[in-house]
Amino acid sequence: MHRWVSGGHLFRDWSCSSDLFYMMCFLPVSLFSIYRKCFLPSWIPGGIKLPFRLKPTMPFNPSASFPSDEGWPFAKYLGACGRMVAVNYVGEELWSYFNAPWEKRVDLAWQLMEIAEQLTNNDFEFALYLLDVSFDNFAVGPRDGKVIIVDAENVLVADKRLIRQNKPENWDVWYESKFDDCDKEACLSFSKEILCARVTVDHNYYAICQNLLSRHATWRGTSGGLLHDPPAEIAKDGRLEALLDECANPKKRYGRFQAAKELREYLAQLSNNVR
């Protein structure tokens, strides 16, 4: 089990590599076409056998391999030199909207949950797990109000098709991430080995709810999360708080999966009502 604190401080053993840039599970087949398109010289023939395999230490950036113009929630990739990556400026950080009007914060929260769902379940059968989730790693477009991931350095990519094919131990058992009530800001606990070996994982829901939306979220000395201080009628109803709590720190078995689904639907409903 590993713990990541936003800003780059890693607690507990990291057995993959000495850094956390662009991490992948071992995906030598299905990600090769993506890697070729983004990083290999165009003159290398498609059928040639190259003397290496994709490994977690090789340069791989989701902003390049999962481009924004194909619907992925990453900043537009402009280029790279070594480990330095240039992406398009999106807008103000999510942090700038912490005290925005309730209507705006509800819309942003809904978008964040939609991002968590897209990165977890998509037609490409890749799961992209966010390991560093804070208000500074997301930005909001000034014109369209769209939430975008602007810091994709710490993303773990797993190929669900490969997991189904290799069938590691407990591969088809749903995995519930463990709530981490640490004394640092933007903490996340995770097991890279499990994320790389399970098809159904709630990590992204856990990360977004715990570090951005729920009362457990802390950042720059604040608490309460993006959905702090809801209107009186919503606070009295209690449904939003209950869903956020179950999504961040579930009390029922597999409760986070259901809470995330209901929270997405509820936020969509609230967002439509306030528009």
C-alpha atoms as a PDB file:
ATOM      1  CA  MET A   1       0.000   0.000   0.000  1.00  0.00           C
ATOM      2  CA  HIS A   2       1.310   3.448  -0.924  1.00  0.00           C
ATOM      3  CA  ARG A   3       0.331   6.935   0.163  1.00  0.00           C
ATOM      4  CA  TRP A   4       0.601   9.955  -2.090  1.00  0.00           C
ATOM      5  CA  VAL A   5       0.453  13.503  -0.774  1.00  0.00           C
ATOM      6  CA  SER A   6      -0.055  16.210  -3.359  1.00  0.00           C
ATOM      7  CA  GLY A   7       3.154  18.100  -3.981  1.00  0.00           C
ATOM      8  CA  GLY A   8       5.338  15.086  -4.445  1.00  0.00           C
ATOM      9  CA  HIS A   9       5.835  13.562  -1.006  1.00  0.00           C
ATOM     10  CA  LEU A  10       5.484   9.792  -1.131  1.00  0.00           C
ATOM     11  CA  PHE A  11       5.073   7.745   2.017  1.00  0.00           C
ATOM     12  CA  ARG A  12       5.503   3.966   2.224  1.00  0.00           C
ATOM     13  CA  ASP A  13       7.465   1.883  -0.255  1.00  0.00           C
ATOM     14  CA  TRP A  14       7.253   2.574  -3.981  1.00  0.00           C
ATOM     15  CA  SER A  15       8.440  -0.554  -5.706  1.00  0.00           C
ATOM     16  CA  CYS A  16       8.067   0.509  -9.321  1.00  0.00           C
ATOM     17  CA  SER A  17      10.660   3.202  -9.855  1.00  0.00           C
ATOM     18  CA  SER A  18      12.432   6.066  -8.165  1.00  0.00           C
ATOM     19  CA  ASP A  19      10.060   8.639  -9.618  1.00  0.00           C
ATOM     20  CA  LEU A  20       6.365   8.889 -10.363  1.00  0.00           C
ATOM     21  CA  PHE A  21       6.400  10.329 -13.860  1.00  0.00           C
ATOM     22  CA  TYR A  22       4.054   8.676 -16.369  1.00  0.00           C
ATOM     23  CA  MET A  23       3.393   5.302 -14.768  1.00  0.00           C
ATOM     24  CA  MET A  24       2.015   2.277 -16.558  1.00  0.00           C
ATOM     25  CA  CYS A  25       1.335  -1.282 -15.705  1.00  0.00           C
ATOM     26  CA  PHE A  26       3.220  -3.610 -18.067  1.00  0.00           C
ATOM     27  CA  LEU A  27       1.318  -3.176 -21.321  1.00  0.00           C
ATOM     28  CA  PRO A  28       3.652  -4.348 -24.117  1.00  0.00           C
ATOM     29  CA  VAL A  29       0.914  -5.084 -26.664  1.00  0.00           C
ATOM     30  CA  SER A  30      -2.125  -2.851 -26.455  1.00  0.00           C
ATOM     31  CA  LEU A  31      -0.345   0.414 -25.660  1.00  0.00           C
ATOM     32  CA  PHE A  32       2.400  -0.061 -28.244  1.00  0.00           C
ATOM     33  CA  SER A  33       0.403   1.652 -31.002  1.00  0.00           C
ATOM     34  CA  ILE A  34      -0.177   4.637 -28.715  1.00  0.00           C
ATOM     35  CA  TYR A  35       3.478   4.754 -27.737  1.00  0.00           C
ATOM     36  CA  ARG A  36       4.557   4.492 -31.373  1.00  0.00           C
ATOM     37  CA  LYS A  37       2.330   7.367 -32.455  1.00  0.00           C
ATOM     38  CA  CYS A  38       3.599   9.699 -29.760  1.00  0.00           C
ATOM     39  CA  PHE A  39       7.219   8.832 -29.149  1.00  0.00           C
ATOM     40  CA  LEU A  40       8.792   6.617 -31.826  1.00  0.00           C
ATOM     41  CA  PRO A  41      10.378   7.891 -35.071  1.00  0.00           C
ATOM     42  CA  SER A  42       8.045   7.603 -38.050  1.00  0.00           C
ATOM     43  CA  TRP A  43      10.639   5.630 -40.052  1.00  0.00           C
ATOM     44  CA  ILE A  44      10.442   2.553 -37.773  1.00  0.00           C
ATOM     45  CA  PRO A  45       8.384  -0.070 -39.660  1.00  0.00           C
ATOM     46  CA  GLY A  46       5.188  -1.221 -38.017  1.00  0.00           C
ATOM     47  CA  GLY A  47       6.089  -4.908 -38.008  1.00  0.00           C
ATOM     48  CA  ILE A  48       9.640  -4.703 -36.701  1.00  0.00           C
ATOM     49  CA  LYS A  49      10.472  -6.226 -33.312  1.00  0.00           C
ATOM     50  CA  LEU A  50      12.123  -3.607 -31.156  1.00  0.00           C
ATOM     51  CA  PRO A  51      14.633  -4.556 -28.467  1.00  0.00           C
ATOM     52  CA  PHE A  52      12.585  -3.245 -25.543  1.00  0.00           C
ATOM     53  CA  ARG A  53       9.236  -3.466 -23.798  1.00  0.00           C
ATOM     54  CA  LEU A  54       7.080  -0.724 -22.434  1.00  0.00           C
ATOM     55  CA  LYS A  55       7.904  -0.297 -18.778  1.00  0.00           C
ATOM     56  CA  PRO A  56       6.711   2.122 -16.094  1.00  0.00           C
ATOM     57  CA  THR A  57       9.959   4.073 -16.271  1.00  0.00           C
ATOM     58  CA  MET A  58       9.582   4.890 -19.956  1.00  0.00           C
ATOM     59  CA  PRO A  59       8.224   8.354 -20.907  1.00  0.00           C
ATOM     60  CA  PHE A  60       4.472   8.104 -21.237  1.00  0.00           C
ATOM     61  CA  ASN A  61       2.148  11.048 -20.805  1.00  0.00           C
ATOM     62  CA  PRO A  62      -1.660  10.745 -20.873  1.00  0.00           C
ATOM     63  CA  SER A  63      -1.987  14.238 -22.348  1.00  0.00           C
ATOM     64  CA  ALA A  64      -0.252  12.969 -25.484  1.00  0.00           C
ATOM     65  CA  SER A  65      -1.615   9.444 -25.652  1.00  0.00           C
ATOM     66  CA  PHE A  66      -5.190  10.307 -24.700  1.00  0.00           C
ATOM     67  CA  PRO A  67      -5.631  13.605 -26.574  1.00  0.00           C
ATOM     68  CA  SER A  68      -8.156  16.263 -25.670  1.00  0.00           C
ATOM     69  CA  ASP A  69      -9.468  16.512 -29.235  1.00  0.00           C
ATOM     70  CA  GLU A  70     -10.678  12.929 -28.876  1.00  0.00           C
ATOM     71  CA  GLY A  71     -12.688  13.765 -25.785  1.00  0.00           C
ATOM     72  CA  TRP A  72     -10.200  12.996 -23.028  1.00  0.00           C
ATOM     73  CA  PRO A  73     -10.177  15.460 -20.086  1.00  0.00           C
ATOM     74  CA  PHE A  74      -6.513  16.437 -20.367  1.00  0.00           C
ATOM     75  CA  ALA A  75      -4.901  19.694 -21.408  1.00  0.00           C
ATOM     76  CA  LYS A  76      -3.902  19.783 -25.070  1.00  0.00           C
ATOM     77  CA  TYR A  77      -0.451  18.268 -25.565  1.00  0.00           C
ATOM     78  CA  LEU A  78       1.987  20.597 -27.366  1.00  0.00           C
ATOM     79  CA  GLY A  79       5.248  18.684 -27.143  1.00  0.00           C
ATOM     80  CA  ALA A  80       7.952  17.329 -24.877  1.00  0.00           C
ATOM     81  CA  CYS A  81      11.692  17.422 -24.335  1.00  0.00           C
ATOM     82  CA  GLY A  82      12.881  14.630 -22.094  1.00  0.00           C
ATOM     83  CA  ARG A  83      10.559  14.661 -19.119  1.00  0.00           C
ATOM     84  CA  MET A  84       9.515  18.273 -19.677  1.00  0.00           C
ATOM     85  CA  VAL A  85       6.028  18.369 -21.167  1.00  0.00           C
ATOM     86  CA  ALA A  86       4.303  21.403 -22.667  1.00  0.00           C
ATOM     87  CA  VAL A  87       0.504  21.563 -22.583  1.00  0.00           C
ATOM     88  CA  ASN A  88      -1.958  24.248 -23.590  1.00  0.00           C
ATOM     89  CA  TYR A  89      -3.018  26.824 -21.002  1.00  0.00           C
ATOM     90  CA  VAL A  90      -6.583  25.998 -20.004  1.00  0.00           C
ATOM     91  CA  GLY A  91      -7.609  28.645 -17.499  1.00  0.00           C
ATOM     92  CA  GLU A  92      -7.689  29.329 -13.788  1.00  0.00           C
ATOM     93  CA  GLU A  93      -7.042  26.475 -11.391  1.00  0.00           C
ATOM     94  CA  LEU A  94     -10.006  24.782  -9.775  1.00  0.00           C
ATOM     95  CA  TRP A  95      -8.864  26.346  -6.521  1.00  0.00           C
ATOM     96  CA  SER A  96      -9.957  29.749  -7.854  1.00  0.00           C
ATOM     97  CA  TYR A  97     -13.549  28.491  -7.792  1.00  0.00           C
ATOM     98  CA  PHE A  98     -13.548  27.265  -4.184  1.00  0.00           C
ATOM     99  CA  ASN A  99     -15.803  30.153  -3.141  1.00  0.00           C
ATOM    100  CA  ALA A 100     -17.641  30.568  -6.443  1.00  0.00           C
ATOM    101  CA  PRO A 101     -21.451  30.771  -6.433  1.00  0.00           C
ATOM    102  CA  TRP A 102     -23.174  27.511  -5.488  1.00  0.00           C
ATOM    103  CA  GLU A 103     -24.499  26.991  -9.004  1.00  0.00           C
ATOM    104  CA  LYS A 104     -21.007  27.101 -10.462  1.00  0.00           C
ATOM    105  CA  ARG A 105     -19.562  24.756  -7.854  1.00  0.00           C
ATOM    106  CA  VAL A 106     -22.324  22.207  -8.422  1.00  0.00           C
ATOM    107  CA  ASP A 107     -21.566  22.167 -12.151  1.00  0.00           C
ATOM    108  CA  LEU A 108     -17.838  21.771 -11.520  1.00  0.00           C
ATOM    109  CA  ALA A 109     -18.460  18.940  -9.040  1.00  0.00           C
ATOM    110  CA  TRP A 110     -20.645  17.143 -11.577  1.00  0.00           C
ATOM    111  CA  GLN A 111     -17.911  17.466 -14.208  1.00  0.00           C
ATOM    112  CA  LEU A 112     -15.325  16.079 -11.782  1.00  0.00           C
ATOM    113  CA  MET A 113     -17.454  13.002 -11.119  1.00  0.00           C
ATOM    114  CA  GLU A 114     -17.951  12.559 -14.867  1.00  0.00           C
ATOM    115  CA  ILE A 115     -14.167  12.680 -15.306  1.00  0.00           C
ATOM    116  CA  ALA A 116     -13.775  10.018 -12.621  1.00  0.00           C
ATOM    117  CA  GLU A 117     -16.263   7.833 -14.478  1.00  0.00           C
ATOM    118  CA  GLN A 118     -14.676   8.367 -17.897  1.00  0.00           C
ATOM    119  CA  LEU A 119     -11.194   7.530 -16.667  1.00  0.00           C
ATOM    120  CA  THR A 120     -12.521   4.409 -14.939  1.00  0.00           C
ATOM    121  CA  ASN A 121     -14.917   3.062 -17.562  1.00  0.00           C
ATOM    122  CA  ASN A 122     -14.508   3.839 -21.261  1.00  0.00           C
ATOM    123  CA  ASP A 123     -14.821   2.109 -24.633  1.00  0.00           C
ATOM    124  CA  PHE A 124     -11.033   1.772 -24.926  1.00  0.00           C
ATOM    125  CA  GLU A 125     -10.902  -0.468 -21.846  1.00  0.00           C
ATOM    126  CA  PHE A 126      -8.081   1.558 -20.317  1.00  0.00           C
ATOM    127  CA  ALA A 127      -8.397   2.613 -16.693  1.00  0.00           C
ATOM    128  CA  LEU A 128      -6.484   5.800 -15.901  1.00  0.00           C
ATOM    129  CA  TYR A 129      -6.085   6.169 -12.158  1.00  0.00           C
ATOM    130  CA  LEU A 130      -5.364   9.623 -10.751  1.00  0.00           C
ATOM    131  CA  LEU A 131      -2.729   9.362  -8.025  1.00  0.00           C
ATOM    132  CA  ASP A 132      -2.273  13.069  -7.281  1.00  0.00           C
ATOM    133  CA  VAL A 133      -5.610  14.829  -6.879  1.00  0.00           C
ATOM    134  CA  SER A 134      -5.743  18.410  -5.614  1.00  0.00           C
ATOM    135  CA  PHE A 135      -7.410  21.698  -6.491  1.00  0.00           C
ATOM    136  CA  ASP A 136      -4.239  22.797  -8.288  1.00  0.00           C
ATOM    137  CA  ASN A 137      -4.190  19.869 -10.721  1.00  0.00           C
ATOM    138  CA  PHE A 138      -7.441  20.821 -12.444  1.00  0.00           C
ATOM    139  CA  ALA A 139      -8.345  23.967 -14.346  1.00  0.00           C
ATOM    140  CA  VAL A 140     -11.538  25.491 -15.698  1.00  0.00           C
ATOM    141  CA  GLY A 141     -11.916  26.919 -19.195  1.00  0.00           C
ATOM    142  CA  PRO A 142     -12.927  30.607 -19.010  1.00  0.00           C
ATOM    143  CA  ARG A 143     -15.272  30.365 -21.997  1.00  0.00           C
ATOM    144  CA  ASP A 144     -16.857  26.928 -21.859  1.00  0.00           C
ATOM    145  CA  GLY A 145     -16.417  26.314 -18.124  1.00  0.00           C
ATOM    146  CA  LYS A 146     -15.033  22.853 -18.839  1.00  0.00           C
ATOM    147  CA  VAL A 147     -12.939  21.114 -16.182  1.00  0.00           C
ATOM    148  CA  ILE A 148      -9.610  19.791 -17.470  1.00  0.00           C
ATOM    149  CA  ILE A 149      -6.769  17.863 -15.845  1.00  0.00           C
ATOM    150  CA  VAL A 150      -3.710  20.075 -16.236  1.00  0.00           C
ATOM    151  CA  ASP A 151      -1.203  17.998 -14.277  1.00  0.00           C
ATOM    152  CA  ALA A 152      -1.226  14.424 -15.590  1.00  0.00           C
ATOM    153  CA  GLU A 153       2.229  13.464 -14.369  1.00  0.00           C
ATOM    154  CA  ASN A 154       0.946  11.020 -11.778  1.00  0.00           C
ATOM    155  CA  VAL A 155      -1.471   8.768 -13.598  1.00  0.00           C
ATOM    156  CA  LEU A 156      -1.411   4.982 -13.558  1.00  0.00           C
ATOM    157  CA  VAL A 157      -2.722   3.312 -16.725  1.00  0.00           C
ATOM    158  CA  ALA A 158      -4.116  -0.218 -16.629  1.00  0.00           C
ATOM    159  CA  ASP A 159      -5.353  -2.272 -19.580  1.00  0.00           C
ATOM    160  CA  LYS A 160      -8.516  -4.091 -18.531  1.00  0.00           C
ATOM    161  CA  ARG A 161      -8.380  -6.368 -21.564  1.00  0.00           C
ATOM    162  CA  LEU A 162      -4.921  -7.532 -20.592  1.00  0.00           C
ATOM    163  CA  ILE A 163      -6.050  -8.122 -17.017  1.00  0.00           C
ATOM    164  CA  ARG A 164      -8.958 -10.256 -18.242  1.00  0.00           C
ATOM    165  CA  GLN A 165      -6.583 -12.139 -20.515  1.00  0.00           C
ATOM    166  CA  ASN A 166      -3.902 -12.835 -17.889  1.00  0.00           C
ATOM    167  CA  LYS A 167      -6.350 -13.387 -15.027  1.00  0.00           C
ATOM    168  CA  PRO A 168      -4.106 -12.499 -12.077  1.00  0.00           C
ATOM    169  CA  GLU A 169      -5.278 -13.519  -8.610  1.00  0.00           C
ATOM    170  CA  ASN A 170      -8.659 -11.976  -7.710  1.00  0.00           C
ATOM    171  CA  TRP A 171      -8.738 -10.083 -11.012  1.00  0.00           C
ATOM    172  CA  ASP A 172     -12.555 -10.135 -11.127  1.00  0.00           C
ATOM    173  CA  VAL A 173     -13.117  -9.185  -7.471  1.00  0.00           C
ATOM    174  CA  TRP A 174     -14.262  -5.586  -7.065  1.00  0.00           C
ATOM    175  CA  TYR A 175     -11.642  -3.509  -5.278  1.00  0.00           C
ATOM    176  CA  GLU A 176     -12.573  -0.866  -2.715  1.00  0.00           C
ATOM    177  CA  SER A 177      -9.967   1.797  -1.995  1.00  0.00           C
ATOM    178  CA  LYS A 178      -9.235   2.437   1.660  1.00  0.00           C
ATOM    179  CA  PHE A 179     -10.178   5.818   3.099  1.00  0.00           C
ATOM    180  CA  ASP A 180      -7.090   7.660   4.333  1.00  0.00           C
ATOM    181  CA  ASP A 181      -7.648  10.138   7.147  1.00  0.00           C
ATOM    182  CA  CYS A 182      -4.054  11.381   7.274  1.00  0.00           C
ATOM    183  CA  ASP A 183      -2.829  14.672   8.705  1.00  0.00           C
ATOM    184  CA  LYS A 184      -1.592  16.010   5.359  1.00  0.00           C
ATOM    185  CA  GLU A 185      -3.469  17.801   2.615  1.00  0.00           C
ATOM    186  CA  ALA A 186      -4.708  15.852  -0.418  1.00  0.00           C
ATOM    187  CA  CYS A 187      -3.694  12.389   0.787  1.00  0.00           C
ATOM    188  CA  LEU A 188      -4.430   9.250  -1.185  1.00  0.00           C
ATOM    189  CA  SER A 189      -3.623   5.644  -0.318  1.00  0.00           C
ATOM    190  CA  PHE A 190      -3.396   3.098  -3.103  1.00  0.00           C
ATOM    191  CA  SER A 191      -1.819  -0.188  -4.108  1.00  0.00           C
ATOM    192  CA  LYS A 192      -0.211  -0.074  -7.534  1.00  0.00           C
ATOM    193  CA  GLU A 193      -0.150  -3.849  -7.659  1.00  0.00           C
ATOM    194  CA  ILE A 194      -3.896  -4.073  -7.085  1.00  0.00           C
ATOM    195  CA  LEU A 195      -4.752  -1.251  -9.473  1.00  0.00           C
ATOM    196  CA  CYS A 196      -2.819  -3.129 -12.149  1.00  0.00           C
ATOM    197  CA  ALA A 197      -4.525  -6.437 -11.417  1.00  0.00           C
ATOM    198  CA  ARG A 198      -8.241  -5.687 -10.972  1.00  0.00           C
ATOM    199  CA  VAL A 199     -10.875  -4.905 -13.582  1.00  0.00           C
ATOM    200  CA  THR A 200     -13.331  -3.123 -11.285  1.00  0.00           C
ATOM    201  CA  VAL A 201     -11.777  -0.450  -9.056  1.00  0.00           C
ATOM    202  CA  ASP A 202     -13.298   2.572  -7.298  1.00  0.00           C
ATOM    203  CA  HIS A 203     -10.042   4.547  -6.945  1.00  0.00           C
ATOM    204  CA  ASN A 204     -11.017   7.569  -9.052  1.00  0.00           C
ATOM    205  CA  TYR A 205     -14.339   8.021  -7.238  1.00  0.00           C
ATOM    206  CA  TYR A 206     -12.479   7.791  -3.943  1.00  0.00           C
ATOM    207  CA  ALA A 207      -9.834  10.312  -5.052  1.00  0.00           C
ATOM    208  CA  ILE A 208     -12.297  12.926  -6.317  1.00  0.00           C
ATOM    209  CA  CYS A 209     -14.706  12.609  -3.405  1.00  0.00           C
ATOM    210  CA  GLN A 210     -12.104  12.531  -0.646  1.00  0.00           C
ATOM    211  CA  ASN A 211      -9.758  15.211  -1.953  1.00  0.00           C
ATOM    212  CA  LEU A 212     -12.074  17.618  -3.764  1.00  0.00           C
ATOM    213  CA  LEU A 213     -15.759  17.312  -2.962  1.00  0.00           C
ATOM    214  CA  SER A 214     -16.469  15.995   0.527  1.00  0.00           C
ATOM    215  CA  ARG A 215     -16.055  17.452   4.003  1.00  0.00           C
ATOM    216  CA  HIS A 216     -12.805  15.468   4.252  1.00  0.00           C
ATOM    217  CA  ALA A 217     -11.160  17.572   1.528  1.00  0.00           C
ATOM    218  CA  THR A 218      -8.491  19.958   2.799  1.00  0.00           C
ATOM    219  CA  TRP A 219      -6.382  22.381   0.790  1.00  0.00           C
ATOM    220  CA  ARG A 220      -4.437  25.534   1.623  1.00  0.00           C
ATOM    221  CA  GLY A 221      -5.826  25.608   5.131  1.00  0.00           C
ATOM    222  CA  THR A 222      -9.452  25.176   4.091  1.00  0.00           C
ATOM    223  CA  SER A 223     -11.829  22.277   4.692  1.00  0.00           C
ATOM    224  CA  GLY A 224     -15.275  21.239   3.540  1.00  0.00           C
ATOM    225  CA  GLY A 225     -14.495  20.576  -0.098  1.00  0.00           C
ATOM    226  CA  LEU A 226     -15.828  22.233  -3.224  1.00  0.00           C
ATOM    227  CA  LEU A 227     -19.429  21.652  -2.129  1.00  0.00           C
ATOM    228  CA  HIS A 228     -19.066  23.395   1.216  1.00  0.00           C
ATOM    229  CA  ASP A 229     -21.937  25.492   2.591  1.00  0.00           C
ATOM    230  CA  PRO A 230     -24.806  24.214   0.428  1.00  0.00           C
ATOM    231  CA  PRO A 231     -28.125  26.083   0.358  1.00  0.00           C
ATOM    232  CA  ALA A 232     -30.347  25.527   3.399  1.00  0.00           C
ATOM    233  CA  GLU A 233     -32.851  23.290   1.621  1.00  0.00           C
ATOM    234  CA  ILE A 234     -30.130  20.980   0.309  1.00  0.00           C
ATOM    235  CA  ALA A 235     -28.387  20.843   3.676  1.00  0.00           C
ATOM    236  CA  LYS A 236     -31.702  20.047   5.380  1.00  0.00           C
ATOM    237  CA  ASP A 237     -32.493  17.292   2.878  1.00  0.00           C
ATOM    238  CA  GLY A 238     -29.183  15.610   3.766  1.00  0.00           C
ATOM    239  CA  ARG A 239     -28.897  13.529   0.610  1.00  0.00           C
ATOM    240  CA  LEU A 240     -25.869  15.358  -0.790  1.00  0.00           C
ATOM    241  CA  GLU A 241     -23.899  15.046   2.438  1.00  0.00           C
ATOM    242  CA  ALA A 242     -24.792  11.370   2.757  1.00  0.00           C
ATOM    243  CA  LEU A 243     -23.672  10.587  -0.801  1.00  0.00           C
ATOM    244  CA  LEU A 244     -20.429  12.523  -0.394  1.00  0.00           C
ATOM    245  CA  ASP A 245     -19.649  10.729   2.864  1.00  0.00           C
ATOM    246  CA  GLU A 246     -20.354   7.304   1.383  1.00  0.00           C
ATOM    247  CA  CYS A 247     -18.273   8.128  -1.686  1.00  0.00           C
ATOM    248  CA  ALA A 248     -15.302   9.291   0.402  1.00  0.00           C
ATOM    249  CA  ASN A 249     -15.535   6.865   3.318  1.00  0.00           C
ATOM    250  CA  PRO A 250     -18.085   4.118   2.588  1.00  0.00           C
ATOM    251  CA  LYS A 251     -19.805   2.289   5.413  1.00  0.00           C
ATOM    252  CA  LYS A 252     -21.374  -0.409   3.221  1.00  0.00           C
ATOM    253  CA  ARG A 253     -19.564  -3.042   1.186  1.00  0.00           C
ATOM    254  CA  TYR A 254     -19.110  -1.703  -2.343  1.00  0.00           C
ATOM    255  CA  GLY A 255     -20.938   1.381  -1.125  1.00  0.00           C
ATOM    256  CA  ARG A 256     -18.656   3.777  -2.968  1.00  0.00           C
ATOM    257  CA  PHE A 257     -19.572   2.340  -6.380  1.00  0.00           C
ATOM    258  CA  GLN A 258     -23.274   2.952  -5.789  1.00  0.00           C
ATOM    259  CA  ALA A 259     -22.746   6.289  -4.063  1.00  0.00           C
ATOM    260  CA  ALA A 260     -20.621   7.566  -6.971  1.00  0.00           C
ATOM    261  CA  LYS A 261     -23.330   6.597  -9.451  1.00  0.00           C
ATOM    262  CA  GLU A 262     -26.069   8.270  -7.414  1.00  0.00           C
ATOM    263  CA  LEU A 263     -23.897  11.320  -6.758  1.00  0.00           C
ATOM    264  CA  ARG A 264     -23.309  11.835 -10.474  1.00  0.00           C
ATOM    265  CA  GLU A 265     -27.040  11.630 -11.108  1.00  0.00           C
ATOM    266  CA  TYR A 266     -27.902  13.921  -8.188  1.00  0.00           C
ATOM    267  CA  LEU A 267     -25.331  16.552  -9.185  1.00  0.00           C
ATOM    268  CA  ALA A 268     -26.638  16.441 -12.765  1.00  0.00           C
ATOM    269  CA  GLN A 269     -30.120  17.059 -11.410  1.00  0.00           C
ATOM    270  CA  LEU A 270     -28.964  19.927  -9.212  1.00  0.00           C
ATOM    271  CA  SER A 271     -26.940  21.402 -12.054  1.00  0.00           C
ATOM    272  CA  ASN A 272     -29.958  21.363 -14.371  1.00  0.00           C
ATOM    273  CA  ASN A 273     -32.155  22.892 -11.708  1.00  0.00           C
ATOM    274  CA  VAL A 274     -29.873  25.864 -11.102  1.00  0.00           C
ATOM    275  CA  ARG A 275     -29.239  26.671 -14.768  1.00  0.00           C
END
